[in-house]
Amino acid sequence: MSDEEVVCMLREGDLDGDGALNEMEFCTLMFRLSPALMMDSKNLLVEAIVNL
């Protein structure tokens, strides 16, 4: 990954525009960048709804 790509990714994750990633912004960015984690979360949500 190039430096430019990293900077672009960090800007995308900086939701409050302060030039830094806080813990919540970092977690949100990592969650969005992890398709497997997204799929696991979707499966857990579907399972929870089915078991209501």
Protein backbone atom coordinates (compact mmCIF):
# COMPACT_ATOMS: atom_id res chain seq x y z
CA MET A 1 0.00 0.00 0.00
CA SER A 2 1.43 3.37 -0.97
CA ASP A 3 1.77 6.34 1.38
CA GLU A 4 -0.89 8.14 -0.65
CA GLU A 5 -3.34 5.25 -0.20
CA VAL A 6 -2.73 5.21 3.56
CA VAL A 7 -3.29 8.97 3.85
CA CYS A 8 -6.48 8.66 1.78
CA MET A 9 -7.73 5.83 3.99
CA LEU A 10 -6.98 7.80 7.17
CA ARG A 11 -8.79 10.86 5.82
CA GLU A 12 -11.79 8.69 5.06
CA GLY A 13 -11.79 7.40 8.64
CA ASP A 14 -11.39 10.86 10.23
CA LEU A 15 -15.10 11.48 10.72
CA ASP A 16 -14.77 14.62 12.85
CA GLY A 17 -12.11 16.20 10.59
CA ASP A 18 -9.59 16.85 13.36
CA GLY A 19 -6.73 15.26 11.40
CA ALA A 20 -6.43 12.25 13.71
CA LEU A 21 -8.26 9.01 14.30
CA ASN A 22 -9.77 8.57 17.73
CA GLU A 23 -10.54 5.10 19.05
CA MET A 24 -14.09 5.01 17.67
CA GLU A 25 -13.01 6.26 14.22
CA PHE A 26 -10.23 3.66 14.12
CA CYS A 27 -12.57 0.83 15.08
CA THR A 28 -15.16 1.98 12.54
CA LEU A 29 -12.54 2.14 9.79
CA MET A 30 -11.13 -1.31 10.63
CA PHE A 31 -14.63 -2.77 10.74
CA ARG A 32 -15.43 -1.35 7.30
CA LEU A 33 -12.15 -2.64 5.86
CA SER A 34 -12.71 -6.20 7.08
CA PRO A 35 -15.24 -8.03 4.88
CA ALA A 36 -14.98 -11.21 6.98
CA LEU A 37 -15.82 -9.27 10.13
CA MET A 38 -18.76 -7.67 8.33
CA MET A 39 -20.07 -11.09 7.26
CA ASP A 40 -19.69 -12.50 10.78
CA SER A 41 -21.63 -9.53 12.16
CA LYS A 42 -24.35 -9.98 9.57
CA ASN A 43 -24.67 -13.66 10.46
CA LEU A 44 -24.88 -12.85 14.19
CA LEU A 45 -27.58 -10.26 13.54
CA VAL A 46 -29.63 -12.63 11.38
CA GLU A 47 -29.29 -15.35 14.02
CA ALA A 48 -30.40 -12.95 16.77
CA ILE A 49 -33.47 -11.89 14.77
CA VAL A 50 -34.42 -15.48 13.98
CA ASN A 51 -34.16 -16.42 17.67
CA LEU A 52 -36.41 -13.60 18.93
